Structures are given as C-alpha cells and as structure tokens.
Amino acid sequence: MNATSDAIVIGAGIVGISCALRLAQRGLSVRLIEREIAPATGSTGRSAAGVRHQFSEAVNVQLSRDSIAEYRAMSQSGYRPIGYLFLVPESDWPAQLDAIAMQRAMGLTVEALTPQEAARILPSNLNGIAGASWCADDGIVDPHSICMAWLSQARALGVKLQTSSEVCAIEQTPGGWQIQCQDSRDRSAQLHQAPILVNAAGAWAGQVAALAGLNVPVGPARRMIFVTGPLPESLRRAHWYPLTVDMTTGFWLRSEHERLIFGLSNPQDSGFSQGIDWEWLEPTCEAALERFPWFEQLSIDRRASWWGYYEDTPDHNPILGAMPGMSGWINACGFSGHGVQQAAATGRLIAQEALGERTSIDLSTLRIERFSGQTDPGKASERLIV
C-alpha cells in the first residue's frame, strides 16, 4: 500500500497523540504510526505521572504551565494537585532561590520553605538541607486516560492510527518523506508519504532519525519505579504524600493510593536494557533511609514494581521544531522524563511549527541547532546517540 497524508507522526505516546490531534484540528490529514500493539504503552504508560511547574529554565516552566492548565480543565486527565516538594542542599540553595523568583514572576504559587516548614509537610532528616521549594498546584495525572481522550478526538477528525507497525526505512522525496513500515503481525510492508513528518518516537527517536541519515541526539535510559506494600497504620495520613525529591541524591517518592512509589535514577543505566534491575533497589533504599528514617517500616511489593525508559538528550531538555535543511521534518522528542507534563503544550506548538506560524512559546533554546558543534548538525555522524 502506498498511502498519502498531509502529515505522518511517528510514535503514539502522549506527545505523538497530542501532535496528531492538534495537526488534525488545523485541517491536516494525519497518519499516526506506532510500533507497539496499542498506543500509550511505552514510556507514557510506565511514567510516574508527575506534573510540575518547578523548573530552573523559563521555557520548561512555560511548557509545563500551559500543559497543566489544559489538564486541569480536562475531566479525563485525572489531575490531582498533591504538590511537589524539593528538599534542597546548601550548595544548590542560591540557584533554587533564583528559580523560585523566576517562577513567581511568571505567576506561579511556588514557595520557599525553611527545612522545618518542609518537615511539617513530610517528616525528614534535615541534615544538609538549606531549604525547600513547594508548589501546591503541582501534582499527578492519568496519562493513559489523557491519551485515550485525545485519541478519540483525533479519530473523529480523521486521524488514522496504525499500530504494530515498525518504521524500517525513511527516504526524503521531492514531495516530502516516504516511510516504509513492517507490520509485526503478518510481516507485510507498507509505504506512506507525507510532506510533514513528526518524530515523536520517544526513546527510539534517535534510531528513527538515523533511518533518514539524520543525527537527533536522543537515547534511552532505563528507570525503575519501586512500589511499597500497603502503608502501616502508623504512616497513613489524611492527605496524599506529595511528590518529594531529595535533591542531594535525586531520590523521590509519592503516594499511590494506600502505597508509596519511589525511585532513584542510575546515571550508568543507559541503553535498551529491559526488566527491573533489582540490584539497584539497595542503593535506592539506602538513599531513602538516609533522608526518611521512617522508610524502614515499609515493605516492597516486587510484583507491583515496574520499569520504563526516559528519552534523554545531552542537556536533558526536549528537542522541538524543524530540522535545519530538511524540509518538513519536525522533532518532538527527548523530553528526558518530562514528556507527560509537557505534552499538551507541545502538540499545539508542533502544529504551529508545521504550518509555518510563529510559535506561542519561543523554541529557540530547544531547537536541535543548540547541539550544532558539527558543520551540519542535521547529518549523522559516528557520534550518533542511539
């Protein structure tokens, strides 16, 4: 089959679905291609589902602010403002205060707390903590419900979702881009053409770009999310445990119904490793106990724990916008763990970019040109990150 659309979006996670919907709302015919058997089953379905305004760079604050505003107005989003609490060591406190000032200047209700005030929100060992930042409007959402709601709207506008379809070749043509896919169920091949291609392939975005001979520096990083057993009576509380981050180690936790989920990034865990690294549970729990001594009262539910991929870039910021010198190729990838919380705004921005409009958020610091140490940053090199 040789099918033609106005736009092809590769990747039916929350970012890809958002892009497909907004492109369709602007009148474009869209084909959404997903390698898995169902949408939102990759990083989206395995995320910790946190959404926060607290970033150190204004452009990330804008992306999250606009996205969270959309989720708050969306009945299907499951938005719950449980708050984000950052426990900040002395070395990082001056920079955190600068970030808080920037966030407040943008109209956000972020507070600088003393260590003692932070401990009243969540009991903690305060050694080495200079202060905390707190935003009660941060919280969690239901990424799967968001995706299904957007996908329903997209289909009503004519978006064609194609699952179990792995992209195996990409070629630039005079009319745009030709995509060859293989169906994982019957191994049949399909060709699709469109003047616009959106690379929203998540952790696979670098590999997708390489099929076209392009260098998009996005690669996978495995992350584990551990789950406790039901909280003992002594640790149950009327309100949810906020999503709390110990910035000394990077350890985080939050409530998940009557349990806690928690994790700690392993900076050495890159690539497409699969499954839970149970050896990483010990250093994760050590970091937990150092800051939260009450953690020793908890048990671990191994069957409920899970893993997934971040889609990392070298600076841990997304790559958004057109590929220089490659007409019609648009990147929407590399969110480095922030895809769920920034997807709503991203879809609207990518639609604006595709139609040649000025984007409502300045994307200059998020375009791929920031990695342009090479003469042509769009061309692949031996340093391609996949």
Protein backbone atom coordinates (compact mmCIF):
# COMPACT_ATOMS: atom_id res chain seq x y z
CA MET A 1 0.00 0.00 0.00
CA ASN A 2 1.18 3.49 -0.80
CA ALA A 3 -0.83 5.90 1.32
CA THR A 4 -0.56 9.68 1.27
CA SER A 5 -1.32 12.11 4.11
CA ASP A 6 -0.54 15.71 4.95
CA ALA A 7 1.46 14.61 7.99
CA ILE A 8 2.89 11.42 9.47
CA VAL A 9 3.52 11.29 13.21
CA ILE A 10 5.86 8.51 14.35
CA GLY A 11 5.12 7.42 17.91
CA ALA A 12 1.70 7.12 19.59
CA GLY A 13 2.74 8.03 23.09
CA ILE A 14 1.30 11.08 24.80
CA VAL A 15 3.46 13.51 22.80
CA GLY A 16 2.72 11.91 19.43
CA ILE A 17 -1.01 11.70 20.09
CA SER A 18 -1.05 15.35 21.18
CA CYS A 19 0.74 16.36 17.97
CA ALA A 20 -1.57 14.28 15.78
CA LEU A 21 -4.68 15.79 17.37
CA ARG A 22 -3.54 19.40 17.02
CA LEU A 23 -2.43 18.89 13.42
CA ALA A 24 -5.83 17.39 12.60
CA GLN A 25 -7.61 20.27 14.31
CA ARG A 26 -5.77 22.59 11.93
CA GLY A 27 -7.23 20.75 8.96
CA LEU A 28 -4.39 18.34 8.07
CA SER A 29 -4.88 14.66 7.26
CA VAL A 30 -2.71 12.72 9.70
CA ARG A 31 -1.41 9.17 9.99
CA LEU A 32 -0.14 8.13 13.44
CA ILE A 33 2.29 5.20 13.39
CA GLU A 34 3.09 3.12 16.49
CA ARG A 35 5.45 0.13 16.77
CA GLU A 36 3.64 -1.41 19.78
CA ILE A 37 0.31 -3.23 19.65
CA ALA A 38 -1.50 -0.33 21.34
CA PRO A 39 -0.95 3.39 21.91
CA ALA A 40 0.48 4.84 25.13
CA THR A 41 2.12 1.56 26.16
CA GLY A 42 5.75 2.69 26.13
CA SER A 43 7.23 5.42 28.31
CA THR A 44 3.82 7.10 28.62
CA GLY A 45 2.17 4.08 30.20
CA ARG A 46 5.13 3.47 32.51
CA SER A 47 5.70 7.00 33.78
CA ALA A 48 5.38 8.18 37.37
CA ALA A 49 2.72 10.61 36.04
CA GLY A 50 4.00 13.70 37.86
CA VAL A 51 3.34 17.19 36.52
CA ARG A 52 5.18 20.20 37.89
CA HIS A 53 5.80 23.87 37.24
CA GLN A 54 9.10 23.92 39.11
CA PHE A 55 11.91 24.12 36.55
CA SER A 56 15.03 26.23 36.50
CA GLU A 57 14.57 27.35 32.87
CA ALA A 58 11.70 29.60 31.84
CA VAL A 59 10.90 27.69 28.65
CA ASN A 60 10.30 24.49 30.63
CA VAL A 61 8.13 26.38 33.08
CA GLN A 62 6.08 27.69 30.15
CA LEU A 63 5.67 24.24 28.60
CA SER A 64 4.53 22.75 31.90
CA ARG A 65 2.38 25.72 32.91
CA ASP A 66 0.40 25.63 29.67
CA SER A 67 0.10 21.84 29.72
CA ILE A 68 -1.02 21.65 33.35
CA ALA A 69 -3.60 24.38 32.71
CA GLU A 70 -5.03 22.17 29.97
CA TYR A 71 -5.03 19.09 32.19
CA ARG A 72 -6.78 20.98 34.97
CA ALA A 73 -9.61 21.86 32.56
CA MET A 74 -9.81 18.30 31.18
CA SER A 75 -12.22 15.99 33.01
CA GLN A 76 -10.45 12.85 31.76
CA SER A 77 -6.97 13.88 32.91
CA GLY A 78 -7.24 12.67 36.50
CA TYR A 79 -5.31 15.78 37.58
CA ARG A 80 -4.73 15.76 41.34
CA PRO A 81 -2.77 18.61 42.97
CA ILE A 82 -0.83 16.63 45.57
CA GLY A 83 2.08 19.11 45.38
CA TYR A 84 5.80 18.80 44.68
CA LEU A 85 8.33 19.27 47.48
CA PHE A 86 12.03 19.72 46.66
CA LEU A 87 14.46 19.30 49.56
CA VAL A 88 17.48 21.39 48.60
CA PRO A 89 21.06 21.08 49.91
CA GLU A 90 23.10 24.15 50.78
CA SER A 91 25.17 24.01 47.57
CA ASP A 92 22.04 24.30 45.42
CA TRP A 93 20.00 26.70 47.54
CA PRO A 94 21.09 30.01 45.91
CA ALA A 95 20.21 28.67 42.43
CA GLN A 96 16.91 27.30 43.77
CA LEU A 97 16.01 30.71 45.18
CA ASP A 98 16.70 32.26 41.77
CA ALA A 99 14.44 29.67 40.16
CA ILE A 100 11.69 30.34 42.69
CA ALA A 101 11.90 34.07 41.97
CA MET A 102 11.60 33.39 38.23
CA GLN A 103 8.65 31.04 38.74
CA ARG A 104 6.83 33.53 40.97
CA ALA A 105 7.43 36.30 38.43
CA MET A 106 5.63 34.05 35.93
CA GLY A 107 2.59 33.95 38.21
CA LEU A 108 3.15 30.58 39.87
CA THR A 109 2.37 29.83 43.51
CA VAL A 110 5.79 28.47 44.44
CA GLU A 111 7.04 28.95 47.99
CA ALA A 112 10.48 28.92 49.56
CA LEU A 113 10.30 26.98 52.83
CA THR A 114 12.62 26.57 55.76
CA PRO A 115 13.75 22.99 56.46
CA GLN A 116 11.44 22.91 59.46
CA GLU A 117 8.46 24.00 57.34
CA ALA A 118 9.28 21.30 54.82
CA ALA A 119 9.45 18.66 57.55
CA ARG A 120 5.91 19.59 58.59
CA ILE A 121 4.75 18.62 55.09
CA LEU A 122 6.77 15.41 55.10
CA PRO A 123 8.87 14.29 58.10
CA SER A 124 12.52 14.19 57.03
CA ASN A 125 16.07 14.08 58.30
CA LEU A 126 17.13 17.69 57.69
CA ASN A 127 20.90 17.18 57.73
CA GLY A 128 22.47 19.24 54.95
CA ILE A 129 19.16 20.75 53.83
CA ALA A 130 19.19 24.55 53.47
CA GLY A 131 15.56 24.92 52.44
CA ALA A 132 12.80 23.58 50.24
CA SER A 133 10.61 24.69 47.38
CA TRP A 134 6.93 23.81 47.34
CA CYS A 135 4.15 24.23 44.80
CA ALA A 136 0.71 23.03 45.82
CA ASP A 137 -0.52 23.20 42.19
CA ASP A 138 1.97 20.54 41.08
CA GLY A 139 0.66 17.01 41.15
CA ILE A 140 -0.17 13.92 39.13
CA VAL A 141 -2.35 12.97 36.15
CA ASP A 142 -3.60 9.82 34.42
CA PRO A 143 -1.54 9.66 31.19
CA HIS A 144 -3.48 6.74 29.71
CA SER A 145 -6.85 8.46 30.14
CA ILE A 146 -5.46 11.65 28.61
CA CYS A 147 -4.20 9.71 25.59
CA MET A 148 -7.48 7.86 25.09
CA ALA A 149 -9.47 11.11 25.27
CA TRP A 150 -7.18 12.84 22.77
CA LEU A 151 -7.13 9.80 20.50
CA SER A 152 -10.92 9.70 20.42
CA GLN A 153 -10.99 13.35 19.35
CA ALA A 154 -8.25 12.73 16.79
CA ARG A 155 -10.05 9.79 15.20
CA ALA A 156 -13.22 11.83 14.93
CA LEU A 157 -11.16 14.29 12.86
CA GLY A 158 -9.91 11.55 10.57
CA VAL A 159 -6.56 10.66 12.14
CA LYS A 160 -5.59 7.11 11.15
CA LEU A 161 -3.82 5.15 13.90
CA GLN A 162 -1.63 2.30 12.71
CA THR A 163 -0.29 0.04 15.48
CA SER A 164 2.10 -2.94 15.39
CA SER A 165 3.90 -1.05 12.64
CA GLU A 166 7.64 -0.55 12.90
CA VAL A 167 9.31 2.06 10.73
CA CYS A 168 12.16 0.35 8.88
CA ALA A 169 13.15 2.93 6.23
CA ILE A 170 12.75 6.66 5.67
CA GLU A 171 13.57 8.50 2.49
CA GLN A 172 13.33 12.17 1.61
CA THR A 173 11.48 12.67 -1.68
CA PRO A 174 10.66 15.76 -3.79
CA GLY A 175 7.23 15.78 -2.14
CA GLY A 176 8.41 15.32 1.44
CA TRP A 177 9.03 11.99 3.18
CA GLN A 178 8.40 8.36 2.31
CA ILE A 179 8.11 5.94 5.23
CA GLN A 180 8.37 2.17 4.90
CA CYS A 181 6.82 0.17 7.72
CA GLN A 182 6.55 -3.52 8.53
CA ASP A 183 3.55 -4.98 10.30
CA SER A 184 4.76 -7.08 13.23
CA ARG A 185 1.72 -9.37 12.98
CA ASP A 186 1.92 -10.55 9.36
CA ARG A 187 5.29 -9.02 8.30
CA SER A 188 3.57 -7.14 5.47
CA ALA A 189 5.22 -3.95 4.22
CA GLN A 190 3.55 -0.60 3.74
CA LEU A 191 4.63 2.70 2.25
CA HIS A 192 3.36 6.08 3.44
CA GLN A 193 4.10 9.52 2.08
CA ALA A 194 3.60 12.99 3.51
CA PRO A 195 5.18 16.42 3.19
CA ILE A 196 5.41 16.65 7.00
CA LEU A 197 7.00 14.08 9.33
CA VAL A 198 6.92 14.49 13.12
CA ASN A 199 9.49 12.43 15.04
CA ALA A 200 7.76 11.70 18.35
CA ALA A 201 9.28 8.24 18.78
CA GLY A 202 10.38 8.73 22.38
CA ALA A 203 13.41 6.69 23.38
CA TRP A 204 13.61 5.43 19.78
CA ALA A 205 13.67 8.94 18.26
CA GLY A 206 17.42 8.78 17.61
CA GLN A 207 17.06 5.46 15.81
CA VAL A 208 14.15 6.75 13.73
CA ALA A 209 16.18 9.78 12.68
CA ALA A 210 19.16 7.58 11.78
CA LEU A 211 16.96 5.75 9.25
CA ALA A 212 16.89 9.04 7.33
CA GLY A 213 20.60 9.65 7.84
CA LEU A 214 19.95 12.30 10.50
CA ASN A 215 21.51 12.87 13.90
CA VAL A 216 18.92 13.52 16.60
CA PRO A 217 20.76 13.00 19.92
CA VAL A 218 18.09 11.13 21.85
CA GLY A 219 18.74 7.83 23.56
CA PRO A 220 17.12 5.54 26.15
CA ALA A 221 17.78 5.48 29.87
CA ARG A 222 16.10 2.78 31.94
CA ARG A 223 14.30 3.88 35.08
CA MET A 224 12.84 1.70 37.84
CA ILE A 225 9.75 2.55 39.85
CA PHE A 226 9.51 0.55 43.05
CA VAL A 227 6.26 0.06 44.91
CA THR A 228 5.76 -0.48 48.62
CA GLY A 229 3.21 -2.69 50.24
CA PRO A 230 0.19 -1.03 51.88
CA LEU A 231 1.31 1.60 54.36
CA PRO A 232 1.24 0.55 58.02
CA GLU A 233 -1.26 2.32 60.20
CA SER A 234 1.46 4.50 61.74
CA LEU A 235 2.27 6.07 58.35
CA ARG A 236 -1.22 6.55 56.99
CA ARG A 237 -2.38 10.14 56.68
CA ALA A 238 -5.47 12.06 55.63
CA HIS A 239 -3.71 13.61 52.64
CA TRP A 240 -1.50 12.07 49.99
CA TYR A 241 2.24 12.13 50.38
CA PRO A 242 3.38 14.83 47.93
CA LEU A 243 5.85 14.00 45.20
CA THR A 244 9.00 14.72 47.18
CA VAL A 245 12.51 14.93 45.74
CA ASP A 246 15.69 14.85 47.82
CA MET A 247 17.97 16.93 45.59
CA THR A 248 21.03 15.69 47.50
CA THR A 249 20.66 12.22 45.97
CA GLY A 250 17.79 12.50 43.47
CA PHE A 251 15.64 10.04 45.43
CA TRP A 252 11.90 10.68 45.07
CA LEU A 253 8.63 9.29 46.39
CA ARG A 254 4.90 9.93 46.25
CA SER A 255 1.62 8.33 47.25
CA GLU A 256 -0.10 5.80 45.02
CA HIS A 257 -3.42 5.04 46.72
CA GLU A 258 -2.57 3.25 50.01
CA ARG A 259 1.06 2.70 48.98
CA LEU A 260 4.13 4.71 48.02
CA ILE A 261 6.02 4.58 44.76
CA PHE A 262 9.65 5.68 44.71
CA GLY A 263 12.82 5.67 42.68
CA LEU A 264 16.37 6.89 42.11
CA SER A 265 17.96 7.37 38.70
CA ASN A 266 21.03 5.28 37.96
CA PRO A 267 23.23 7.51 35.78
CA GLN A 268 25.01 4.42 34.41
CA ASP A 269 21.80 2.74 33.24
CA SER A 270 21.59 3.84 29.60
CA GLY A 271 20.64 1.84 26.53
CA PHE A 272 17.78 -0.55 25.85
CA SER A 273 18.25 -2.79 28.89
CA GLN A 274 14.98 -4.45 29.85
CA GLY A 275 13.36 -5.51 33.10
CA ILE A 276 13.87 -4.31 36.64
CA ASP A 277 17.42 -4.10 37.93
CA TRP A 278 16.78 -5.46 41.41
CA GLU A 279 20.38 -4.79 42.42
CA TRP A 280 19.51 -1.08 42.17
CA LEU A 281 16.88 -1.46 44.90
CA GLU A 282 19.53 -1.49 47.65
CA PRO A 283 21.17 1.89 46.83
CA THR A 284 17.69 3.32 46.26
CA CYS A 285 16.55 2.24 49.72
CA GLU A 286 19.79 3.48 51.27
CA ALA A 287 19.08 6.95 49.87
CA ALA A 288 15.51 6.71 51.15
CA LEU A 289 16.53 5.75 54.68
CA GLU A 290 19.15 8.50 54.87
CA ARG A 291 16.53 11.20 54.33
CA PHE A 292 13.38 9.44 55.59
CA PRO A 293 14.20 7.13 58.53
CA TRP A 294 10.55 6.05 58.76
CA PHE A 295 11.07 4.24 55.44
CA GLU A 296 12.33 1.20 57.37
CA GLN A 297 8.71 0.46 58.34
CA LEU A 298 7.79 -0.23 54.70
CA SER A 299 7.78 -3.44 52.70
CA ILE A 300 8.42 -3.80 48.95
CA ASP A 301 5.89 -5.26 46.53
CA ARG A 302 8.10 -6.71 43.80
CA ARG A 303 5.19 -7.79 41.62
CA ALA A 304 3.74 -4.27 41.51
CA SER A 305 7.05 -2.54 40.69
CA TRP A 306 7.82 -1.62 37.08
CA TRP A 307 10.35 -0.07 34.71
CA GLY A 308 10.40 2.12 31.62
CA TYR A 309 12.60 4.39 29.51
CA TYR A 310 13.45 8.05 29.71
CA GLU A 311 14.26 9.57 26.32
CA ASP A 312 17.37 11.54 27.20
CA THR A 313 19.21 14.34 25.41
CA PRO A 314 22.70 15.58 26.35
CA ASP A 315 21.23 18.57 28.25
CA HIS A 316 18.05 16.80 29.43
CA ASN A 317 15.81 19.27 27.57
CA PRO A 318 13.49 18.30 24.71
CA ILE A 319 14.28 18.80 21.04
CA LEU A 320 11.40 20.68 19.45
CA GLY A 321 10.95 22.16 16.00
CA ALA A 322 12.09 21.79 12.42
CA MET A 323 15.27 20.01 11.40
CA PRO A 324 17.51 22.57 9.65
CA GLY A 325 17.90 21.90 5.95
CA MET A 326 15.35 19.07 5.99
CA SER A 327 12.04 20.42 4.74
CA GLY A 328 9.06 19.01 6.60
CA TRP A 329 10.97 17.09 9.30
CA ILE A 330 9.89 18.23 12.78
CA ASN A 331 11.24 16.88 16.07
CA ALA A 332 9.10 16.44 19.17
CA CYS A 333 11.28 14.20 21.33
CA GLY A 334 13.95 13.99 24.00
CA PHE A 335 11.85 15.15 26.96
CA SER A 336 14.12 13.34 29.44
CA GLY A 337 11.30 12.33 31.77
CA HIS A 338 9.11 15.41 31.22
CA GLY A 339 7.01 14.24 28.28
CA VAL A 340 3.75 13.67 30.15
CA GLN A 341 3.86 17.04 31.85
CA GLN A 342 4.71 18.97 28.68
CA ALA A 343 2.76 17.06 26.01
CA ALA A 344 -0.33 19.26 25.88
CA ALA A 345 1.59 22.44 25.05
CA THR A 346 3.94 20.55 22.72
CA GLY A 347 1.14 19.39 20.43
CA ARG A 348 -0.05 22.94 19.85
CA LEU A 349 3.49 24.20 19.26
CA ILE A 350 4.26 21.48 16.73
CA ALA A 351 1.08 22.29 14.81
CA GLN A 352 2.11 25.94 14.69
CA GLU A 353 5.60 24.97 13.52
CA ALA A 354 4.21 22.67 10.83
CA LEU A 355 2.04 25.43 9.42
CA GLY A 356 4.89 27.93 9.37
CA GLU A 357 3.45 30.11 12.13
CA ARG A 358 5.26 31.85 14.93
CA THR A 359 5.10 29.54 17.92
CA SER A 360 3.30 30.75 21.04
CA ILE A 361 6.36 29.75 23.11
CA ASP A 362 9.82 30.69 21.86
CA LEU A 363 11.51 27.42 20.93
CA SER A 364 14.92 28.88 20.12
CA THR A 365 16.64 27.24 23.12
CA LEU A 366 15.00 23.86 22.42
CA ARG A 367 15.79 23.53 18.72
CA ILE A 368 18.32 20.97 17.61
CA GLU A 369 20.72 23.70 16.49
CA ARG A 370 21.90 24.03 20.10
CA PHE A 371 23.90 20.85 19.51
CA SER A 372 25.48 22.23 16.35
CA GLY A 373 29.14 21.53 17.04
CA GLN A 374 29.19 19.96 13.62
CA THR A 375 29.17 21.87 10.33
CA ASP A 376 25.77 20.35 9.53
CA PRO A 377 24.01 19.39 12.78
CA GLY A 378 21.32 17.51 10.90
CA LYS A 379 23.65 14.96 9.31
CA ALA A 380 24.51 11.72 11.04
CA SER A 381 27.98 11.14 12.43
CA GLU A 382 29.88 8.42 14.26
CA ARG A 383 28.86 10.09 17.49
CA LEU A 384 25.19 9.41 16.88
CA ILE A 385 23.44 8.61 20.14
CA VAL A 386 21.00 5.70 19.81
